[in-house]
C-alpha atoms as a PDB file:
ATOM      1  CA  MET A   1     -10.313 -13.202 -37.735  1.00  0.00           C
ATOM      2  CA  ALA A   2      -8.052 -10.004 -38.801  1.00  0.00           C
ATOM      3  CA  ILE A   3      -9.871  -6.591 -38.967  1.00  0.00           C
ATOM      4  CA  ASN A   4     -12.214  -6.217 -41.835  1.00  0.00           C
ATOM      5  CA  LEU A   5     -12.786  -2.538 -42.147  1.00  0.00           C
ATOM      6  CA  ILE A   6     -15.916  -1.242 -43.775  1.00  0.00           C
ATOM      7  CA  ASN A   7     -15.053   0.462 -47.230  1.00  0.00           C
ATOM      8  CA  VAL A   8     -16.907   4.105 -46.555  1.00  0.00           C
ATOM      9  CA  GLY A   9     -15.852   5.301 -50.024  1.00  0.00           C
ATOM     10  CA  THR A  10     -15.582   8.879 -51.013  1.00  0.00           C
ATOM     11  CA  ALA A  11     -18.795  11.188 -49.663  1.00  0.00           C
ATOM     12  CA  ASN A  12     -21.848  10.733 -51.633  1.00  0.00           C
ATOM     13  CA  GLN A  13     -20.445   8.733 -54.564  1.00  0.00           C
ATOM     14  CA  GLY A  14     -21.704   5.190 -54.059  1.00  0.00           C
ATOM     15  CA  ASP A  15     -18.390   3.824 -54.065  1.00  0.00           C
ATOM     16  CA  GLY A  16     -18.199   2.315 -50.355  1.00  0.00           C
ATOM     17  CA  ASP A  17     -19.711  -1.034 -49.150  1.00  0.00           C
ATOM     18  CA  PRO A  18     -23.203  -1.336 -49.569  1.00  0.00           C
ATOM     19  CA  LEU A  19     -25.126  -0.691 -46.275  1.00  0.00           C
ATOM     20  CA  ARG A  20     -26.134  -4.405 -45.440  1.00  0.00           C
ATOM     21  CA  ASP A  21     -22.586  -5.595 -46.319  1.00  0.00           C
ATOM     22  CA  ALA A  22     -20.919  -2.819 -44.199  1.00  0.00           C
ATOM     23  CA  PHE A  23     -23.230  -3.988 -41.256  1.00  0.00           C
ATOM     24  CA  VAL A  24     -22.540  -7.565 -41.775  1.00  0.00           C
ATOM     25  CA  LYS A  25     -18.770  -7.059 -41.114  1.00  0.00           C
ATOM     26  CA  ALA A  26     -19.485  -4.613 -38.114  1.00  0.00           C
ATOM     27  CA  ASN A  27     -21.502  -7.825 -36.889  1.00  0.00           C
ATOM     28  CA  ASP A  28     -18.632 -10.024 -37.654  1.00  0.00           C
ATOM     29  CA  MET A  29     -16.269  -8.403 -35.814  1.00  0.00           C
ATOM     30  CA  PHE A  30     -18.611  -7.368 -32.690  1.00  0.00           C
ATOM     31  CA  THR A  31     -19.379 -11.077 -32.526  1.00  0.00           C
ATOM     32  CA  GLU A  32     -15.889 -12.410 -32.536  1.00  0.00           C
ATOM     33  CA  LEU A  33     -14.919  -9.691 -29.545  1.00  0.00           C
ATOM     34  CA  TYR A  34     -18.024 -10.976 -27.323  1.00  0.00           C
ATOM     35  CA  SER A  35     -17.166 -14.865 -28.022  1.00  0.00           C
ATOM     36  CA  ASP A  36     -13.794 -14.547 -26.269  1.00  0.00           C
ATOM     37  CA  ASP A  37     -11.637 -16.017 -29.198  1.00  0.00           C
ATOM     38  CA  ALA A  38      -8.574 -16.897 -28.046  1.00  0.00           C
ATOM     39  CA  GLY A  39      -7.273 -17.418 -31.214  1.00  0.00           C
ATOM     40  CA  ASP A  40      -6.600 -13.908 -31.863  1.00  0.00           C
ATOM     41  CA  VAL A  41      -4.195 -13.796 -28.896  1.00  0.00           C
ATOM     42  CA  GLY A  42      -0.658 -15.603 -29.574  1.00  0.00           C
ATOM     43  CA  SER A  43       0.569 -15.749 -26.130  1.00  0.00           C
ATOM     44  CA  ILE A  44       0.383 -13.984 -22.718  1.00  0.00           C
ATOM     45  CA  ILE A  45       3.678 -14.042 -20.864  1.00  0.00           C
ATOM     46  CA  GLY A  46       4.116 -13.083 -17.194  1.00  0.00           C
ATOM     47  CA  GLY A  47       6.308 -10.017 -16.734  1.00  0.00           C
ATOM     48  CA  THR A  48       8.807  -9.405 -13.797  1.00  0.00           C
ATOM     49  CA  GLY A  49       6.973 -11.506 -10.590  1.00  0.00           C
ATOM     50  CA  LEU A  50       4.085 -12.509 -12.245  1.00  0.00           C
ATOM     51  CA  GLU A  51       2.920 -15.816 -13.586  1.00  0.00           C
ATOM     52  CA  VAL A  52       0.422 -16.904 -15.726  1.00  0.00           C
ATOM     53  CA  ASP A  53      -1.524 -20.451 -15.872  1.00  0.00           C
ATOM     54  CA  SER A  54      -2.043 -20.457 -19.689  1.00  0.00           C
ATOM     55  CA  ALA A  55      -0.784 -18.552 -22.533  1.00  0.00           C
ATOM     56  CA  THR A  56      -3.978 -18.223 -24.305  1.00  0.00           C
ATOM     57  CA  GLY A  57      -7.923 -18.432 -23.846  1.00  0.00           C
ATOM     58  CA  ASP A  58      -9.036 -17.941 -19.890  1.00  0.00           C
ATOM     59  CA  VAL A  59      -5.426 -16.532 -18.048  1.00  0.00           C
ATOM     60  CA  THR A  60      -5.123 -16.517 -14.467  1.00  0.00           C
ATOM     61  CA  VAL A  61      -2.330 -13.995 -13.754  1.00  0.00           C
ATOM     62  CA  SER A  62      -0.592 -14.261  -9.961  1.00  0.00           C
ATOM     63  CA  ILE A  63       2.284 -12.911  -8.229  1.00  0.00           C
ATOM     64  CA  SER A  64       5.100 -15.339  -8.365  1.00  0.00           C
ATOM     65  CA  ASP A  65       6.748 -16.339  -4.938  1.00  0.00           C
ATOM     66  CA  ASP A  66       9.505 -13.418  -3.891  1.00  0.00           C
ATOM     67  CA  GLY A  67       7.655 -11.624  -6.914  1.00  0.00           C
ATOM     68  CA  VAL A  68       7.092  -8.343  -4.955  1.00  0.00           C
ATOM     69  CA  GLY A  69      10.497  -6.806  -3.536  1.00  0.00           C
ATOM     70  CA  HIS A  70      11.271  -3.742  -1.700  1.00  0.00           C
ATOM     71  CA  ASP A  71      10.846  -1.324  -4.430  1.00  0.00           C
ATOM     72  CA  GLN A  72       7.170  -2.274  -5.230  1.00  0.00           C
ATOM     73  CA  LEU A  73       6.038  -1.916  -1.692  1.00  0.00           C
ATOM     74  CA  SER A  74       3.804   1.153  -0.779  1.00  0.00           C
ATOM     75  CA  ALA A  75       5.378   4.026   1.119  1.00  0.00           C
ATOM     76  CA  ARG A  76       3.752   2.684   4.440  1.00  0.00           C
ATOM     77  CA  TYR A  77       6.397  -0.285   4.400  1.00  0.00           C
ATOM     78  CA  THR A  78       9.257   1.685   3.241  1.00  0.00           C
ATOM     79  CA  GLU A  79       9.617   5.335   4.134  1.00  0.00           C
ATOM     80  CA  ILE A  80      10.992   7.110   7.299  1.00  0.00           C
ATOM     81  CA  GLN A  81       9.675  10.595   8.284  1.00  0.00           C
ATOM     82  CA  ASP A  82      12.075  13.023  10.214  1.00  0.00           C
ATOM     83  CA  ILE A  83       9.715  15.300  12.625  1.00  0.00           C
ATOM     84  CA  ALA A  84      11.329  17.956  14.833  1.00  0.00           C
ATOM     85  CA  THR A  85       7.758  18.751  16.398  1.00  0.00           C
ATOM     86  CA  THR A  86       8.630  18.357  20.344  1.00  0.00           C
ATOM     87  CA  SER A  87       5.247  18.720  21.971  1.00  0.00           C
ATOM     88  CA  GLY A  88       1.429  18.685  21.445  1.00  0.00           C
ATOM     89  CA  THR A  89      -0.345  16.330  19.171  1.00  0.00           C
ATOM     90  CA  ILE A  90       2.160  14.959  16.689  1.00  0.00           C
ATOM     91  CA  ALA A  91       0.278  13.131  13.690  1.00  0.00           C
ATOM     92  CA  LEU A  92       2.071   9.952  12.667  1.00  0.00           C
ATOM     93  CA  ASP A  93       0.312   8.920   9.186  1.00  0.00           C
ATOM     94  CA  ALA A  94       1.034   5.196   8.969  1.00  0.00           C
ATOM     95  CA  SER A  95      -0.205   5.297   5.197  1.00  0.00           C
ATOM     96  CA  SER A  96       2.729   7.292   4.094  1.00  0.00           C
ATOM     97  CA  TYR A  97       5.473   5.984   6.832  1.00  0.00           C
ATOM     98  CA  ALA A  98       6.874   3.128   8.361  1.00  0.00           C
ATOM     99  CA  ALA A  99       9.260   4.556  10.677  1.00  0.00           C
ATOM    100  CA  PHE A 100       9.251   8.072  12.685  1.00  0.00           C
ATOM    101  CA  ASN A 101      12.328   9.996  13.728  1.00  0.00           C
ATOM    102  CA  LEU A 102      11.396  12.085  16.486  1.00  0.00           C
ATOM    103  CA  THR A 103      14.416  14.379  17.564  1.00  0.00           C
ATOM    104  CA  GLY A 104      14.920  17.144  19.543  1.00  0.00           C
ATOM    105  CA  THR A 105      13.812  17.943  23.264  1.00  0.00           C
ATOM    106  CA  LEU A 106      10.480  16.010  23.842  1.00  0.00           C
ATOM    107  CA  GLY A 107       8.221  17.665  26.045  1.00  0.00           C
ATOM    108  CA  THR A 108       4.564  16.571  26.729  1.00  0.00           C
ATOM    109  CA  ALA A 109       3.473  15.068  23.362  1.00  0.00           C
ATOM    110  CA  THR A 110       0.391  12.872  21.801  1.00  0.00           C
ATOM    111  CA  LEU A 111       1.236  10.597  19.260  1.00  0.00           C
ATOM    112  CA  ASP A 112      -1.706  10.188  17.095  1.00  0.00           C
ATOM    113  CA  ILE A 113      -1.118   7.242  14.980  1.00  0.00           C
ATOM    114  CA  GLN A 114      -3.277   7.472  12.057  1.00  0.00           C
ATOM    115  CA  ASN A 115      -4.444   5.287   9.082  1.00  0.00           C
ATOM    116  CA  ILE A 116      -2.495   1.946  10.313  1.00  0.00           C
ATOM    117  CA  LYS A 117      -3.558  -1.434   8.777  1.00  0.00           C
ATOM    118  CA  THR A 118      -3.845  -4.720  10.362  1.00  0.00           C
ATOM    119  CA  GLY A 119      -0.539  -6.365  10.722  1.00  0.00           C
ATOM    120  CA  GLN A 120       1.497  -3.002   9.991  1.00  0.00           C
ATOM    121  CA  VAL A 121       4.017  -2.242  12.482  1.00  0.00           C
ATOM    122  CA  ILE A 122       5.605   1.102  13.019  1.00  0.00           C
ATOM    123  CA  ASP A 123       8.829   2.062  14.516  1.00  0.00           C
ATOM    124  CA  ILE A 124       9.104   5.592  16.234  1.00  0.00           C
ATOM    125  CA  ILE A 125      12.539   6.431  17.183  1.00  0.00           C
ATOM    126  CA  LEU A 126      12.694   8.924  20.152  1.00  0.00           C
ATOM    127  CA  SER A 127      16.174  10.770  20.349  1.00  0.00           C
ATOM    128  CA  GLY A 128      17.463  13.854  21.700  1.00  0.00           C
ATOM    129  CA  SER A 129      16.712  15.183  25.215  1.00  0.00           C
ATOM    130  CA  LEU A 130      13.696  13.161  26.666  1.00  0.00           C
ATOM    131  CA  ALA A 131      14.345  14.174  30.467  1.00  0.00           C
ATOM    132  CA  SER A 132      10.888  16.082  30.623  1.00  0.00           C
ATOM    133  CA  ALA A 133       9.312  13.471  27.962  1.00  0.00           C
ATOM    134  CA  VAL A 134       5.764  12.641  28.591  1.00  0.00           C
ATOM    135  CA  ILE A 135       4.302  10.631  25.929  1.00  0.00           C
ATOM    136  CA  THR A 136       0.633   9.259  25.148  1.00  0.00           C
ATOM    137  CA  LEU A 137      -0.420   7.244  22.232  1.00  0.00           C
ATOM    138  CA  SER A 138      -3.845   7.990  20.479  1.00  0.00           C
ATOM    139  CA  ALA A 139      -5.603   6.962  17.197  1.00  0.00           C
ATOM    140  CA  SER A 140      -7.874   9.519  15.947  1.00  0.00           C
ATOM    141  CA  THR A 141      -8.658   8.023  12.731  1.00  0.00           C
ATOM    142  CA  PHE A 142     -10.569   5.137  14.435  1.00  0.00           C
ATOM    143  CA  THR A 143     -13.909   5.421  16.078  1.00  0.00           C
ATOM    144  CA  THR A 144     -13.020   3.385  19.268  1.00  0.00           C
ATOM    145  CA  VAL A 145      -9.547   1.831  19.845  1.00  0.00           C
ATOM    146  CA  ALA A 146      -7.669  -0.014  22.268  1.00  0.00           C
ATOM    147  CA  ILE A 147      -4.234   0.648  22.897  1.00  0.00           C
ATOM    148  CA  ASN A 148      -2.299  -2.052  24.980  1.00  0.00           C
ATOM    149  CA  LYS A 149       1.479  -2.090  26.467  1.00  0.00           C
ATOM    150  CA  VAL A 150       3.101  -5.302  25.823  1.00  0.00           C
ATOM    151  CA  GLY A 151       6.144  -6.004  28.139  1.00  0.00           C
ATOM    152  CA  SER A 152       7.128  -4.141  31.436  1.00  0.00           C
ATOM    153  CA  THR A 153       9.726  -1.799  30.027  1.00  0.00           C
ATOM    154  CA  SER A 154       9.183   2.045  30.104  1.00  0.00           C
ATOM    155  CA  LEU A 155      10.496   4.987  28.531  1.00  0.00           C
ATOM    156  CA  ASP A 156      14.278   5.418  29.305  1.00  0.00           C
ATOM    157  CA  THR A 157      14.633   9.310  29.466  1.00  0.00           C
ATOM    158  CA  ALA A 158      18.308   8.876  29.320  1.00  0.00           C
ATOM    159  CA  ALA A 159      18.737   7.124  26.207  1.00  0.00           C
ATOM    160  CA  THR A 160      17.290   6.709  22.662  1.00  0.00           C
ATOM    161  CA  ASN A 161      14.335   4.796  22.603  1.00  0.00           C
ATOM    162  CA  ILE A 162      12.367   2.868  19.823  1.00  0.00           C
ATOM    163  CA  LEU A 163       8.534   2.593  20.658  1.00  0.00           C
ATOM    164  CA  GLN A 164       7.038  -0.226  18.235  1.00  0.00           C
ATOM    165  CA  VAL A 165       3.310  -0.268  17.385  1.00  0.00           C
ATOM    166  CA  LEU A 166       1.615  -2.993  15.943  1.00  0.00           C
ATOM    167  CA  CYS A 167      -1.949  -2.985  14.688  1.00  0.00           C
ATOM    168  CA  VAL A 168      -3.778  -6.178  15.690  1.00  0.00           C
ATOM    169  CA  ASP A 169      -7.212  -4.853  14.669  1.00  0.00           C
ATOM    170  CA  ASP A 170      -8.134  -2.104  11.995  1.00  0.00           C
ATOM    171  CA  THR A 171     -11.918  -1.951  12.188  1.00  0.00           C
ATOM    172  CA  ALA A 172     -13.400   1.503  13.122  1.00  0.00           C
ATOM    173  CA  ALA A 173     -15.794  -0.378  15.468  1.00  0.00           C
ATOM    174  CA  ASP A 174     -13.018  -1.977  17.606  1.00  0.00           C
ATOM    175  CA  ALA A 175      -9.540  -1.151  16.536  1.00  0.00           C
ATOM    176  CA  ILE A 176      -6.494  -2.816  18.774  1.00  0.00           C
ATOM    177  CA  LEU A 177      -3.257  -1.640  18.709  1.00  0.00           C
ATOM    178  CA  THR A 178      -0.146  -2.798  20.949  1.00  0.00           C
ATOM    179  CA  TRP A 179       2.875  -1.482  21.874  1.00  0.00           C
ATOM    180  CA  ALA A 180       6.309  -1.664  23.451  1.00  0.00           C
ATOM    181  CA  VAL A 181       9.236   0.457  23.992  1.00  0.00           C
ATOM    182  CA  ALA A 182      13.030   0.076  24.614  1.00  0.00           C
ATOM    183  CA  SER A 183      16.148   1.985  24.863  1.00  0.00           C
ATOM    184  CA  TYR A 184      18.906   1.067  22.507  1.00  0.00           C
ATOM    185  CA  ALA A 185      22.493   1.896  22.007  1.00  0.00           C
ATOM    186  CA  THR A 186      24.649   1.319  18.603  1.00  0.00           C
ATOM    187  CA  GLY A 187      26.468  -2.157  18.662  1.00  0.00           C
ATOM    188  CA  THR A 188      26.347  -5.656  17.222  1.00  0.00           C
ATOM    189  CA  THR A 189      26.337  -7.700  20.359  1.00  0.00           C
ATOM    190  CA  VAL A 190      23.053  -9.357  21.062  1.00  0.00           C
END
């Protein structure tokens, strides 16, 4: 049904639609809106990365396979934070960053991992002078948390290290994080 405007006429001139006719038009248009009349929608087309199961009527919109690319991901999966703080408690907000570059002369520091979600992995690059580094992990945004080391490698104070943290469970009651550390150098040989 095309729009059926009510002729309101000129004020107090009696040249508009009679009251009953106006409300009949209003009722007809509201009835059409509430009856889910798919005939008025010519077609629905999925945009980039989206699929639709029908062009009219009840339509389900879904994300296509490979429909989400790097540019559509949130900052928690794409951004890197450079941190010059070298001691004390250092907040690592996993809702805003995927990787953290800690540089300088690292001393005694607590890396407080915040807002990490189940399945999320964050990378922490420790570079600079690590000779006096004593690193502790915490996760203050959880009520209780188990932080478990994977493997037997420890911090190599003579090299650049990558510390990877995986969130196994992000529920406040029993959050679980696992971590592993390894030193690395540039190169392409595996």
